[in-house]
């Protein structure tokens, strides 16, 4: 399993948590290697620990909407990318790859119209 899958699992969990705050990561039954589960959990933990700061950074570069006004999938994708680049302890995180992966998640889960929005905000924040 790849970091791409870890990011996708983080997106599914964090979005699910917006709908049902009581869900727990282990109950989702992801069959993944321990290291990939650790990476996905690291992203989730970073979003939870730094969400207010992440949301401020995103909102500062979004002139039309606060994060609460954004499409929930787009907001979650943005939070994941910012958390991964700014708050994960790994030194091997490549910002260009994280932005590209966020764009691919947007295409898959949100729509083509979200791509320039997410790209623009992430290029400004990161």
C-alpha atoms as a PDB file:
ATOM      1  CA  UNK A   1       0.000   0.000   0.000  1.00  0.00           C
ATOM      2  CA  UNK A   2       1.204   3.471  -0.823  1.00  0.00           C
ATOM      3  CA  UNK A   3       1.073   6.900   0.711  1.00  0.00           C
ATOM      4  CA  UNK A   4      -1.632   7.630  -1.854  1.00  0.00           C
ATOM      5  CA  UNK A   5      -3.805   4.975  -0.232  1.00  0.00           C
ATOM      6  CA  UNK A   6      -2.938   6.353   3.204  1.00  0.00           C
ATOM      7  CA  UNK A   7      -4.062   9.821   2.119  1.00  0.00           C
ATOM      8  CA  UNK A   8      -7.245   8.392   0.666  1.00  0.00           C
ATOM      9  CA  UNK A   9      -7.993   6.529   3.902  1.00  0.00           C
ATOM     10  CA  UNK A  10      -7.344   9.699   5.886  1.00  0.00           C
ATOM     11  CA  UNK A  11      -9.795  11.559   3.622  1.00  0.00           C
ATOM     12  CA  UNK A  12     -12.458   8.890   4.018  1.00  0.00           C
ATOM     13  CA  UNK A  13     -12.056   8.815   7.780  1.00  0.00           C
ATOM     14  CA  UNK A  14     -11.933  12.585   8.342  1.00  0.00           C
ATOM     15  CA  UNK A  15     -14.898  13.191   6.046  1.00  0.00           C
ATOM     16  CA  UNK A  16     -16.785  10.376   7.764  1.00  0.00           C
ATOM     17  CA  UNK A  17     -15.986  11.942  11.091  1.00  0.00           C
ATOM     18  CA  UNK A  18     -17.640  15.176   9.958  1.00  0.00           C
ATOM     19  CA  UNK A  19     -20.832  13.173   9.438  1.00  0.00           C
ATOM     20  CA  UNK A  20     -20.446  10.925  12.480  1.00  0.00           C
ATOM     21  CA  UNK A  21     -17.987  12.244  15.095  1.00  0.00           C
ATOM     22  CA  UNK A  22     -18.101   9.007  17.073  1.00  0.00           C
ATOM     23  CA  UNK A  23     -16.494   6.786  14.401  1.00  0.00           C
ATOM     24  CA  UNK A  24     -13.139   5.324  15.287  1.00  0.00           C
ATOM     25  CA  UNK A  25     -10.347   4.574  12.831  1.00  0.00           C
ATOM     26  CA  UNK A  26      -9.860   0.939  13.849  1.00  0.00           C
ATOM     27  CA  UNK A  27     -13.550   0.187  13.352  1.00  0.00           C
ATOM     28  CA  UNK A  28     -13.279   1.004   9.639  1.00  0.00           C
ATOM     29  CA  UNK A  29     -11.565  -2.307   8.960  1.00  0.00           C
ATOM     30  CA  UNK A  30      -8.861  -1.081   6.630  1.00  0.00           C
ATOM     31  CA  UNK A  31      -6.617  -3.911   5.599  1.00  0.00           C
ATOM     32  CA  UNK A  32      -3.290  -2.200   5.250  1.00  0.00           C
ATOM     33  CA  UNK A  33       0.300  -2.708   6.211  1.00  0.00           C
ATOM     34  CA  UNK A  34       1.233  -1.415   9.644  1.00  0.00           C
ATOM     35  CA  UNK A  35       3.502   1.303   8.252  1.00  0.00           C
ATOM     36  CA  UNK A  36       0.810   2.630   5.921  1.00  0.00           C
ATOM     37  CA  UNK A  37      -1.755   2.577   8.700  1.00  0.00           C
ATOM     38  CA  UNK A  38       0.732   4.510  10.815  1.00  0.00           C
ATOM     39  CA  UNK A  39       1.158   7.114   8.047  1.00  0.00           C
ATOM     40  CA  UNK A  40      -2.586   7.490   7.604  1.00  0.00           C
ATOM     41  CA  UNK A  41      -3.087   7.743  11.354  1.00  0.00           C
ATOM     42  CA  UNK A  42      -0.278  10.322  11.511  1.00  0.00           C
ATOM     43  CA  UNK A  43      -2.113  12.520   9.014  1.00  0.00           C
ATOM     44  CA  UNK A  44      -5.353  12.185  10.968  1.00  0.00           C
ATOM     45  CA  UNK A  45      -3.616  12.974  14.254  1.00  0.00           C
ATOM     46  CA  UNK A  46      -1.909  16.018  12.715  1.00  0.00           C
ATOM     47  CA  UNK A  47      -5.231  17.342  11.392  1.00  0.00           C
ATOM     48  CA  UNK A  48      -6.862  16.858  14.783  1.00  0.00           C
ATOM     49  CA  UNK A  49      -3.980  18.408  16.731  1.00  0.00           C
ATOM     50  CA  UNK A  50      -3.542  21.455  14.475  1.00  0.00           C
ATOM     51  CA  UNK A  51      -6.963  21.941  12.900  1.00  0.00           C
ATOM     52  CA  UNK A  52      -7.481  25.504  14.121  1.00  0.00           C
ATOM     53  CA  UNK A  53      -4.089  26.607  12.780  1.00  0.00           C
ATOM     54  CA  UNK A  54      -4.599  24.679   9.527  1.00  0.00           C
ATOM     55  CA  UNK A  55      -8.035  26.245   9.048  1.00  0.00           C
ATOM     56  CA  UNK A  56      -6.617  29.737   9.640  1.00  0.00           C
ATOM     57  CA  UNK A  57      -3.900  29.174   7.031  1.00  0.00           C
ATOM     58  CA  UNK A  58      -6.428  27.919   4.477  1.00  0.00           C
ATOM     59  CA  UNK A  59      -8.957  30.680   5.153  1.00  0.00           C
ATOM     60  CA  UNK A  60      -6.238  33.348   4.896  1.00  0.00           C
ATOM     61  CA  UNK A  61      -5.690  32.310   1.268  1.00  0.00           C
ATOM     62  CA  UNK A  62      -9.347  31.879   0.356  1.00  0.00           C
ATOM     63  CA  UNK A  63     -10.741  35.357  -0.280  1.00  0.00           C
ATOM     64  CA  UNK A  64     -14.335  34.260  -0.896  1.00  0.00           C
ATOM     65  CA  UNK A  65     -14.975  31.551   1.710  1.00  0.00           C
ATOM     66  CA  UNK A  66     -14.034  30.532   5.196  1.00  0.00           C
ATOM     67  CA  UNK A  67     -13.276  26.864   5.623  1.00  0.00           C
ATOM     68  CA  UNK A  68     -16.727  26.334   7.142  1.00  0.00           C
ATOM     69  CA  UNK A  69     -18.330  27.627   3.934  1.00  0.00           C
ATOM     70  CA  UNK A  70     -16.278  25.371   1.644  1.00  0.00           C
ATOM     71  CA  UNK A  71     -17.369  22.064   0.213  1.00  0.00           C
ATOM     72  CA  UNK A  72     -16.609  19.562   3.019  1.00  0.00           C
ATOM     73  CA  UNK A  73     -14.628  17.223   0.769  1.00  0.00           C
ATOM     74  CA  UNK A  74     -12.489  20.096  -0.522  1.00  0.00           C
ATOM     75  CA  UNK A  75     -11.910  21.387   3.003  1.00  0.00           C
ATOM     76  CA  UNK A  76     -10.873  17.917   4.158  1.00  0.00           C
ATOM     77  CA  UNK A  77      -8.465  17.491   1.240  1.00  0.00           C
ATOM     78  CA  UNK A  78      -6.916  20.877   2.015  1.00  0.00           C
ATOM     79  CA  UNK A  79      -6.559  20.020   5.707  1.00  0.00           C
ATOM     80  CA  UNK A  80      -4.842  16.731   4.886  1.00  0.00           C
ATOM     81  CA  UNK A  81      -2.318  18.341   2.522  1.00  0.00           C
ATOM     82  CA  UNK A  82      -1.482  21.194   4.900  1.00  0.00           C
ATOM     83  CA  UNK A  83      -1.169  18.826   7.857  1.00  0.00           C
ATOM     84  CA  UNK A  84       1.052  16.455   5.912  1.00  0.00           C
ATOM     85  CA  UNK A  85       3.422  19.193   4.739  1.00  0.00           C
ATOM     86  CA  UNK A  86       3.584  21.313   7.875  1.00  0.00           C
ATOM     87  CA  UNK A  87       2.918  19.043  10.838  1.00  0.00           C
ATOM     88  CA  UNK A  88       4.175  15.535  10.102  1.00  0.00           C
ATOM     89  CA  UNK A  89       7.641  14.801  11.459  1.00  0.00           C
ATOM     90  CA  UNK A  90       8.825  13.032   8.292  1.00  0.00           C
ATOM     91  CA  UNK A  91      11.561  14.935   6.534  1.00  0.00           C
ATOM     92  CA  UNK A  92      10.892  13.224   3.201  1.00  0.00           C
ATOM     93  CA  UNK A  93       7.531  14.882   2.472  1.00  0.00           C
ATOM     94  CA  UNK A  94       7.705  16.466  -0.976  1.00  0.00           C
ATOM     95  CA  UNK A  95       5.278  19.399  -1.168  1.00  0.00           C
ATOM     96  CA  UNK A  96       4.858  19.099  -4.939  1.00  0.00           C
ATOM     97  CA  UNK A  97       3.839  15.461  -4.584  1.00  0.00           C
ATOM     98  CA  UNK A  98       1.439  16.264  -1.737  1.00  0.00           C
ATOM     99  CA  UNK A  99      -0.198  19.006  -3.844  1.00  0.00           C
ATOM    100  CA  UNK A 100      -0.462  16.674  -6.833  1.00  0.00           C
ATOM    101  CA  UNK A 101      -1.995  13.945  -4.653  1.00  0.00           C
ATOM    102  CA  UNK A 102      -4.496  16.460  -3.239  1.00  0.00           C
ATOM    103  CA  UNK A 103      -5.483  17.396  -6.789  1.00  0.00           C
ATOM    104  CA  UNK A 104      -5.976  13.732  -7.679  1.00  0.00           C
ATOM    105  CA  UNK A 105      -8.130  13.214  -4.576  1.00  0.00           C
ATOM    106  CA  UNK A 106     -10.201  16.239  -5.612  1.00  0.00           C
ATOM    107  CA  UNK A 107     -10.708  14.796  -9.097  1.00  0.00           C
ATOM    108  CA  UNK A 108     -11.779  11.479  -7.626  1.00  0.00           C
ATOM    109  CA  UNK A 109     -13.964  12.654  -4.739  1.00  0.00           C
ATOM    110  CA  UNK A 110     -15.033  16.202  -5.507  1.00  0.00           C
ATOM    111  CA  UNK A 111     -14.891  17.115  -9.184  1.00  0.00           C
ATOM    112  CA  UNK A 112     -12.814  18.824 -11.809  1.00  0.00           C
ATOM    113  CA  UNK A 113     -14.107  22.262 -10.738  1.00  0.00           C
ATOM    114  CA  UNK A 114     -12.357  21.832  -7.369  1.00  0.00           C
ATOM    115  CA  UNK A 115      -8.920  21.276  -8.902  1.00  0.00           C
ATOM    116  CA  UNK A 116      -7.931  24.926  -9.547  1.00  0.00           C
ATOM    117  CA  UNK A 117      -9.357  25.982  -6.180  1.00  0.00           C
ATOM    118  CA  UNK A 118      -7.366  23.371  -4.236  1.00  0.00           C
ATOM    119  CA  UNK A 119      -4.247  23.908  -6.323  1.00  0.00           C
ATOM    120  CA  UNK A 120      -4.343  27.677  -5.796  1.00  0.00           C
ATOM    121  CA  UNK A 121      -4.854  27.505  -2.049  1.00  0.00           C
ATOM    122  CA  UNK A 122      -2.193  24.840  -1.508  1.00  0.00           C
ATOM    123  CA  UNK A 123       0.354  26.712  -3.637  1.00  0.00           C
ATOM    124  CA  UNK A 124      -0.278  29.809  -1.510  1.00  0.00           C
ATOM    125  CA  UNK A 125      -0.246  28.040   1.872  1.00  0.00           C
ATOM    126  CA  UNK A 126       2.657  25.682   1.220  1.00  0.00           C
END
